[in-house]
Amino acid sequence: MALRYLRQSLDTSHPADEPYVLNSIESRVIRRTKIVTLSIASVLGIMGVVLLYGPQYMWPDLFSNTTVSFFGNTYELPLITMLYGVLLVYLEVNMLVMLNLRGVKTIMRICQFPNAHDAQYDRHLQALADAALEKTNRGILRFGIDPYLNMPRWGLTIYFLLNMMKAALSNLALKFLLKRFLGRYMLRQLTDLAGMPIYAFWNAWASWQVLHEAQVRVMAPTTIREFVHELHEEWGKNDQLRPLLLEALQYVAILKRQYNYAHFLLTETLIDRFDLKADAALTGNFLEQVSQAPVEVRRSLERLIVFGVLVDGKLSFIEKKRLRELRKKGFLTYSASEIQRIGNDYNQGRGLWV
């Protein structure tokens, strides 16, 4: 259904400029689309809280506890409240999905991507649908590259669970603080409704992530193709660079510590263009290996590292810290401000020029 919906945005003629460089009109429409989408997502978060607690205060008898017997013991459970909450969550999630799909469709229409004559048209369309539905792309694993190399699996489980429950945990934390500092003077109604800005924020944050990822998936394919073509033209036959390319990509994956579509596309394009063996065993010891390479090879790998870190449109505090460490070790010549500027230009639709 998402694919059919998004395909409708491709009925008009294509612009002359490339999709990875946004003109002033495209930038303005995309910015307005983000503002409208985030505003509606915030309102949905607020309405979800109001609709959850409002009827419980107005018609308390309707939400009375249900007596349940279990192995001879009797329990009073709020079954009606729980079922009502599940129904609200189901409706809100579906409304957010449709809202995000509409935003993604607008970005596709204004950029006219993917091009109907593109050989990978269906694949790009599927990637944008996955972005709208917040599906994680783990395609990079088939190349033997793992962003979570050397990380304990129990730590990953906790990390993912916390991310999925962040809105609920934030709300519980707020309630605890209110009760802790205001105590009996804080009415239950105010405590419950205080969660409205929490859910509004996380709804807006989730929608921003979706629209940002959709914009990246529009810009990244051509950006990557141009960069890899340039790299291959210069170093395609260099036997000292080729063995280090996959190690460099593994190192980028470790810096990112997440699965993302842009890095998968970069990896696939490099492997195809340089005719690399994707089943090669990777060590994750990139810095030790690159220290023995000639200066010109290190500079090319530096460009690849910076490009790989920025091509997904995100540069976290941890990534900045790791890049500063690389500069201290003498591998990076780009300063932190230069990398930040290049990333900002890319996110604003001015291309990724490394």
Protein backbone atom coordinates (compact mmCIF):
# COMPACT_ATOMS: atom_id res chain seq x y z
CA MET A 1 0.00 0.00 0.00
CA ALA A 2 2.85 2.37 0.87
CA LEU A 3 4.54 1.65 -2.47
CA ARG A 4 1.34 2.35 -4.42
CA TYR A 5 0.82 5.58 -2.51
CA LEU A 6 4.36 6.85 -3.08
CA ARG A 7 4.34 5.85 -6.76
CA GLN A 8 1.60 8.46 -7.36
CA SER A 9 4.14 11.24 -6.79
CA LEU A 10 6.03 10.38 -9.97
CA ASP A 11 3.42 11.37 -12.56
CA THR A 12 4.85 14.79 -13.43
CA SER A 13 7.86 15.74 -15.52
CA HIS A 14 11.34 15.59 -14.00
CA PRO A 15 13.42 18.69 -13.18
CA ALA A 16 16.71 19.32 -14.91
CA ASP A 17 18.85 19.43 -11.76
CA GLU A 18 20.17 16.38 -9.92
CA PRO A 19 18.20 15.18 -6.86
CA TYR A 20 21.23 15.45 -4.57
CA VAL A 21 21.42 19.25 -5.07
CA LEU A 22 18.28 21.08 -3.92
CA ASN A 23 17.35 24.41 -5.49
CA SER A 24 15.73 27.22 -3.48
CA ILE A 25 12.16 26.11 -4.27
CA GLU A 26 12.84 22.48 -3.33
CA SER A 27 14.53 23.53 -0.07
CA ARG A 28 11.64 25.82 0.87
CA VAL A 29 8.95 23.20 0.15
CA ILE A 30 10.83 20.49 2.04
CA ARG A 31 11.35 22.81 5.03
CA ARG A 32 7.63 23.68 5.07
CA THR A 33 6.71 20.00 4.78
CA LYS A 34 8.85 19.19 7.81
CA ILE A 35 7.31 21.99 9.89
CA VAL A 36 3.73 20.94 9.04
CA THR A 37 4.43 17.22 9.61
CA LEU A 38 6.18 17.78 12.95
CA SER A 39 3.39 20.09 14.13
CA ILE A 40 0.67 17.56 13.33
CA ALA A 41 2.70 14.74 14.93
CA SER A 42 3.02 16.83 18.12
CA VAL A 43 -0.74 17.48 18.17
CA LEU A 44 -1.36 13.73 17.80
CA GLY A 45 0.85 13.09 20.82
CA ILE A 46 -1.07 15.65 22.89
CA MET A 47 -4.45 14.32 21.75
CA GLY A 48 -3.37 10.77 22.60
CA VAL A 49 -2.79 11.74 26.23
CA VAL A 50 -6.01 13.78 26.43
CA LEU A 51 -8.10 10.97 24.92
CA LEU A 52 -6.47 8.40 27.21
CA TYR A 53 -7.12 10.16 30.51
CA GLY A 54 -10.05 12.49 29.69
CA PRO A 55 -12.76 9.79 29.44
CA GLN A 56 -11.40 8.13 32.60
CA TYR A 57 -12.01 11.33 34.58
CA MET A 58 -15.40 12.05 32.98
CA TRP A 59 -16.83 8.51 33.17
CA PRO A 60 -14.86 6.69 35.89
CA ASP A 61 -17.49 3.94 36.24
CA LEU A 62 -16.94 2.93 32.62
CA PHE A 63 -13.26 2.24 33.37
CA SER A 64 -13.72 0.41 36.65
CA ASN A 65 -11.48 -2.56 37.43
CA THR A 66 -12.48 -6.07 36.40
CA THR A 67 -12.39 -8.88 38.96
CA VAL A 68 -10.38 -11.82 37.68
CA SER A 69 -9.87 -15.17 39.44
CA PHE A 70 -6.62 -16.99 38.82
CA PHE A 71 -5.62 -20.23 40.60
CA GLY A 72 -7.95 -19.47 43.46
CA ASN A 73 -6.73 -15.89 43.87
CA THR A 74 -8.81 -12.82 43.03
CA TYR A 75 -7.30 -9.79 41.31
CA GLU A 76 -8.67 -6.37 40.39
CA LEU A 77 -7.30 -5.53 36.92
CA PRO A 78 -7.94 -2.43 34.77
CA LEU A 79 -8.72 -4.52 31.69
CA ILE A 80 -11.03 -1.95 30.07
CA THR A 81 -8.44 0.80 30.52
CA MET A 82 -5.73 -1.42 29.04
CA LEU A 83 -7.84 -2.36 26.00
CA TYR A 84 -8.79 1.28 25.48
CA GLY A 85 -5.13 2.28 25.66
CA VAL A 86 -4.15 -0.38 23.10
CA LEU A 87 -6.87 0.90 20.75
CA LEU A 88 -5.59 4.48 21.06
CA VAL A 89 -2.00 3.38 20.41
CA TYR A 90 -3.12 1.44 17.32
CA LEU A 91 -4.98 4.46 15.94
CA GLU A 92 -2.17 6.90 16.71
CA VAL A 93 0.52 4.71 15.16
CA ASN A 94 -1.49 4.32 11.95
CA MET A 95 -2.18 8.06 11.79
CA LEU A 96 1.53 8.77 12.24
CA VAL A 97 2.42 6.29 9.49
CA MET A 98 0.02 7.98 7.07
CA LEU A 99 1.35 11.39 8.11
CA ASN A 100 4.92 10.29 7.49
CA LEU A 101 4.00 8.73 4.14
CA ARG A 102 2.44 12.00 3.08
CA GLY A 103 5.61 13.88 4.04
CA VAL A 104 7.84 11.40 2.18
CA LYS A 105 5.58 11.63 -0.87
CA THR A 106 5.95 15.42 -0.89
CA ILE A 107 9.75 15.17 -0.76
CA MET A 108 9.71 12.64 -3.61
CA ARG A 109 7.43 14.85 -5.70
CA ILE A 110 9.44 18.02 -5.28
CA CYS A 111 12.73 16.23 -6.06
CA GLN A 112 11.13 13.91 -8.64
CA PHE A 113 13.01 10.92 -7.31
CA PRO A 114 13.33 8.14 -8.27
CA ASN A 115 13.42 8.86 -11.97
CA ALA A 116 10.99 6.67 -13.88
CA HIS A 117 13.80 5.69 -16.27
CA ASP A 118 16.21 4.72 -13.47
CA ALA A 119 17.31 1.08 -13.70
CA GLN A 120 16.92 0.86 -9.91
CA TYR A 121 13.56 2.64 -9.82
CA ASP A 122 11.71 -0.06 -7.85
CA ARG A 123 14.55 -0.44 -5.40
CA HIS A 124 14.71 3.30 -4.64
CA LEU A 125 10.95 3.39 -4.25
CA GLN A 126 11.06 0.48 -1.80
CA ALA A 127 13.84 2.21 0.15
CA LEU A 128 11.70 5.35 0.54
CA ALA A 129 8.70 3.29 1.61
CA ASP A 130 10.89 1.57 4.22
CA ALA A 131 12.03 4.99 5.45
CA ALA A 132 8.43 6.12 5.87
CA LEU A 133 7.60 2.93 7.78
CA GLU A 134 10.79 3.21 9.89
CA LYS A 135 12.16 -0.15 8.74
CA THR A 136 15.83 -0.78 9.52
CA ASN A 137 18.01 -1.79 6.57
CA ARG A 138 20.48 -4.54 7.52
CA GLY A 139 21.59 -5.31 3.97
CA ILE A 140 25.16 -4.39 4.85
CA LEU A 141 25.51 -7.63 6.84
CA ARG A 142 25.65 -9.65 3.61
CA PHE A 143 28.97 -7.96 2.84
CA GLY A 144 30.46 -9.15 6.12
CA ILE A 145 30.35 -5.67 7.68
CA ASP A 146 28.82 -5.38 11.14
CA PRO A 147 28.35 -1.95 12.80
CA TYR A 148 28.26 -3.68 16.18
CA LEU A 149 31.51 -5.61 15.76
CA ASN A 150 33.10 -6.41 19.14
CA MET A 151 30.08 -5.15 21.11
CA PRO A 152 28.46 -7.51 23.67
CA ARG A 153 25.06 -8.78 22.52
CA TRP A 154 23.41 -8.30 25.94
CA GLY A 155 24.35 -4.62 25.73
CA LEU A 156 22.67 -4.33 22.32
CA THR A 157 19.47 -5.87 23.63
CA ILE A 158 19.24 -3.34 26.44
CA TYR A 159 20.09 -0.51 24.02
CA PHE A 160 17.32 -1.39 21.57
CA LEU A 161 14.73 -1.95 24.31
CA LEU A 162 15.47 1.42 25.87
CA ASN A 163 15.11 3.14 22.49
CA MET A 164 11.73 1.52 21.88
CA MET A 165 10.44 2.50 25.32
CA LYS A 166 11.97 5.99 25.51
CA ALA A 167 8.64 7.84 25.41
CA ALA A 168 7.07 5.71 28.15
CA LEU A 169 10.22 5.91 30.29
CA SER A 170 10.42 9.69 29.85
CA ASN A 171 6.80 10.00 30.97
CA LEU A 172 7.39 7.80 34.03
CA ALA A 173 10.47 9.82 34.96
CA LEU A 174 8.51 13.07 34.72
CA LYS A 175 5.71 11.70 36.89
CA PHE A 176 8.21 10.51 39.49
CA LEU A 177 9.88 13.93 39.66
CA LEU A 178 6.56 15.75 39.97
CA LYS A 179 5.40 13.50 42.79
CA ARG A 180 8.80 13.64 44.46
CA PHE A 181 8.99 17.42 44.63
CA LEU A 182 5.30 18.40 44.79
CA GLY A 183 4.00 15.41 46.74
CA ARG A 184 0.39 15.52 47.88
CA TYR A 185 -0.09 19.02 46.47
CA MET A 186 0.13 17.59 42.95
CA LEU A 187 -3.27 16.43 41.66
CA ARG A 188 -3.36 13.08 39.84
CA GLN A 189 -4.98 14.74 36.80
CA LEU A 190 -2.11 17.19 36.45
CA THR A 191 0.42 14.39 36.86
CA ASP A 192 -1.20 12.35 34.08
CA LEU A 193 -1.63 15.29 31.69
CA ALA A 194 1.95 16.46 32.30
CA GLY A 195 3.01 13.73 29.87
CA MET A 196 1.54 15.67 26.91
CA PRO A 197 4.75 17.53 26.00
CA ILE A 198 6.72 14.29 26.39
CA TYR A 199 4.65 12.38 23.84
CA ALA A 200 4.41 15.45 21.58
CA PHE A 201 8.20 15.71 21.57
CA TRP A 202 8.84 12.03 20.80
CA ASN A 203 6.19 11.99 18.05
CA ALA A 204 7.78 15.05 16.44
CA TRP A 205 11.25 13.54 16.85
CA ALA A 206 10.17 10.28 15.18
CA SER A 207 8.59 12.14 12.26
CA TRP A 208 11.68 14.32 11.84
CA GLN A 209 13.82 11.16 11.70
CA VAL A 210 11.57 9.71 9.00
CA LEU A 211 11.58 12.84 6.83
CA HIS A 212 15.31 13.36 7.28
CA GLU A 213 15.98 9.74 6.29
CA ALA A 214 13.70 10.12 3.26
CA GLN A 215 15.61 13.23 2.17
CA VAL A 216 18.91 11.37 2.57
CA ARG A 217 17.60 8.43 0.54
CA VAL A 218 16.73 10.86 -2.24
CA MET A 219 20.14 12.55 -2.22
CA ALA A 220 22.44 9.63 -1.33
CA PRO A 221 22.26 7.35 -4.43
CA THR A 222 23.53 9.92 -6.94
CA THR A 223 25.94 11.45 -4.41
CA ILE A 224 27.47 8.03 -3.75
CA ARG A 225 27.63 7.15 -7.43
CA GLU A 226 29.52 10.36 -8.24
CA PHE A 227 31.95 9.95 -5.34
CA VAL A 228 32.74 6.28 -6.06
CA HIS A 229 33.16 7.01 -9.77
CA GLU A 230 35.69 9.75 -8.96
CA LEU A 231 37.53 7.49 -6.49
CA HIS A 232 37.67 4.66 -9.03
CA GLU A 233 38.93 6.92 -11.80
CA GLU A 234 41.84 7.95 -9.59
CA TRP A 235 42.59 4.74 -7.66
CA GLY A 236 40.79 1.91 -9.45
CA LYS A 237 44.03 0.09 -10.30
CA ASN A 238 45.99 0.83 -7.13
CA ASP A 239 46.81 -2.44 -5.35
CA GLN A 240 47.64 -0.67 -2.09
CA LEU A 241 44.25 1.03 -1.77
CA ARG A 242 41.92 -1.77 -2.85
CA PRO A 243 42.62 -4.18 0.07
CA LEU A 244 41.92 -1.39 2.57
CA LEU A 245 38.56 -0.26 1.17
CA LEU A 246 36.44 -2.85 2.98
CA GLU A 247 38.40 -2.32 6.21
CA ALA A 248 37.69 1.41 5.86
CA LEU A 249 33.98 0.70 5.39
CA GLN A 250 34.00 -1.56 8.45
CA TYR A 251 35.66 1.24 10.41
CA VAL A 252 32.94 3.69 9.27
CA ALA A 253 30.31 1.19 10.40
CA ILE A 254 31.98 0.98 13.82
CA LEU A 255 32.03 4.79 14.04
CA LYS A 256 28.30 4.93 13.22
CA ARG A 257 27.27 1.96 15.41
CA GLN A 258 23.99 1.61 13.55
CA TYR A 259 22.50 0.07 10.43
CA ASN A 260 21.66 2.64 7.77
CA TYR A 261 20.68 2.56 4.13
CA ALA A 262 23.22 5.13 2.91
CA HIS A 263 26.17 3.15 4.27
CA PHE A 264 24.76 -0.03 2.74
CA LEU A 265 24.47 1.71 -0.63
CA LEU A 266 28.01 3.09 -0.36
CA THR A 267 29.37 -0.37 0.48
CA GLU A 268 27.49 -2.04 -2.37
CA THR A 269 28.58 0.60 -4.90
CA LEU A 270 32.25 0.39 -3.88
CA ILE A 271 32.29 -3.40 -3.98
CA ASP A 272 30.67 -3.41 -7.42
CA ARG A 273 32.82 -0.61 -8.89
CA PHE A 274 36.15 -1.89 -7.54
CA ASP A 275 35.20 -5.56 -8.03
CA LEU A 276 35.99 -6.42 -4.40
CA LYS A 277 35.39 -9.76 -2.69
CA ALA A 278 32.59 -9.25 -0.20
CA ASP A 279 33.38 -12.48 1.67
CA ALA A 280 36.82 -11.29 2.82
CA ALA A 281 37.41 -11.63 6.57
CA LEU A 282 37.49 -8.19 8.22
CA THR A 283 39.51 -7.52 11.36
CA GLY A 284 38.27 -4.09 12.43
CA ASN A 285 41.94 -3.01 12.85
CA PHE A 286 41.82 -0.38 10.14
CA LEU A 287 44.08 2.20 11.78
CA GLU A 288 46.90 -0.31 12.31
CA GLN A 289 46.76 -1.37 8.67
CA VAL A 290 46.46 2.11 7.16
CA SER A 291 49.46 3.40 9.12
CA GLN A 292 51.69 1.34 6.79
CA ALA A 293 50.15 2.75 3.59
CA PRO A 294 51.66 5.61 1.51
CA VAL A 295 50.52 9.16 2.30
CA GLU A 296 48.44 9.53 -0.88
CA VAL A 297 46.57 6.28 -0.11
CA ARG A 298 45.88 7.47 3.45
CA ARG A 299 44.48 10.76 2.11
CA SER A 300 42.09 8.88 -0.21
CA LEU A 301 40.97 6.65 2.65
CA GLU A 302 40.52 9.75 4.79
CA ARG A 303 38.11 11.12 2.17
CA LEU A 304 36.23 7.82 2.21
CA ILE A 305 35.98 7.85 6.02
CA VAL A 306 34.66 11.42 6.12
CA PHE A 307 32.26 10.75 3.23
CA GLY A 308 31.02 7.53 4.85
CA VAL A 309 30.40 9.23 8.18
CA LEU A 310 28.45 12.12 6.62
CA VAL A 311 26.50 10.43 3.80
CA ASP A 312 23.68 9.29 6.11
CA GLY A 313 23.08 12.92 7.09
CA LYS A 314 23.83 12.39 10.78
CA LEU A 315 26.84 13.33 12.88
CA SER A 316 26.39 12.46 16.54
CA PHE A 317 28.37 13.71 19.52
CA ILE A 318 30.08 10.30 19.81
CA GLU A 319 31.08 10.38 16.13
CA LYS A 320 32.53 13.88 16.54
CA LYS A 321 34.53 12.66 19.52
CA ARG A 322 35.89 9.68 17.58
CA LEU A 323 36.80 11.89 14.62
CA ARG A 324 38.70 14.22 16.96
CA GLU A 325 40.61 11.19 18.24
CA LEU A 326 41.48 10.27 14.64
CA ARG A 327 42.81 13.78 14.09
CA LYS A 328 44.99 13.51 17.22
CA LYS A 329 46.39 10.24 15.88
CA GLY A 330 47.39 12.04 12.67
CA PHE A 331 45.02 10.20 10.32
CA LEU A 332 42.56 13.06 9.71
CA THR A 333 43.58 16.39 8.22
CA TYR A 334 40.00 17.72 8.22
CA SER A 335 39.17 19.77 11.32
CA ALA A 336 35.99 19.23 13.33
CA SER A 337 34.55 22.52 12.06
CA GLU A 338 35.27 21.58 8.44
CA ILE A 339 33.52 18.21 8.82
CA GLN A 340 30.55 19.88 10.52
CA ARG A 341 30.31 22.47 7.71
CA ILE A 342 30.45 19.78 4.99
CA GLY A 343 27.72 17.81 6.78
CA ASN A 344 25.52 20.90 7.16
CA ASP A 345 25.89 21.71 3.46
CA TYR A 346 24.86 18.16 2.58
CA ASN A 347 21.79 18.24 4.84
CA GLN A 348 20.76 21.58 3.35
CA GLY A 349 20.87 20.09 -0.15
CA ARG A 350 24.09 21.64 -1.40
CA GLY A 351 25.85 18.32 -2.10
CA LEU A 352 28.51 16.33 -0.24
CA TRP A 353 31.86 17.56 -1.44
CA VAL A 354 34.74 15.83 0.34
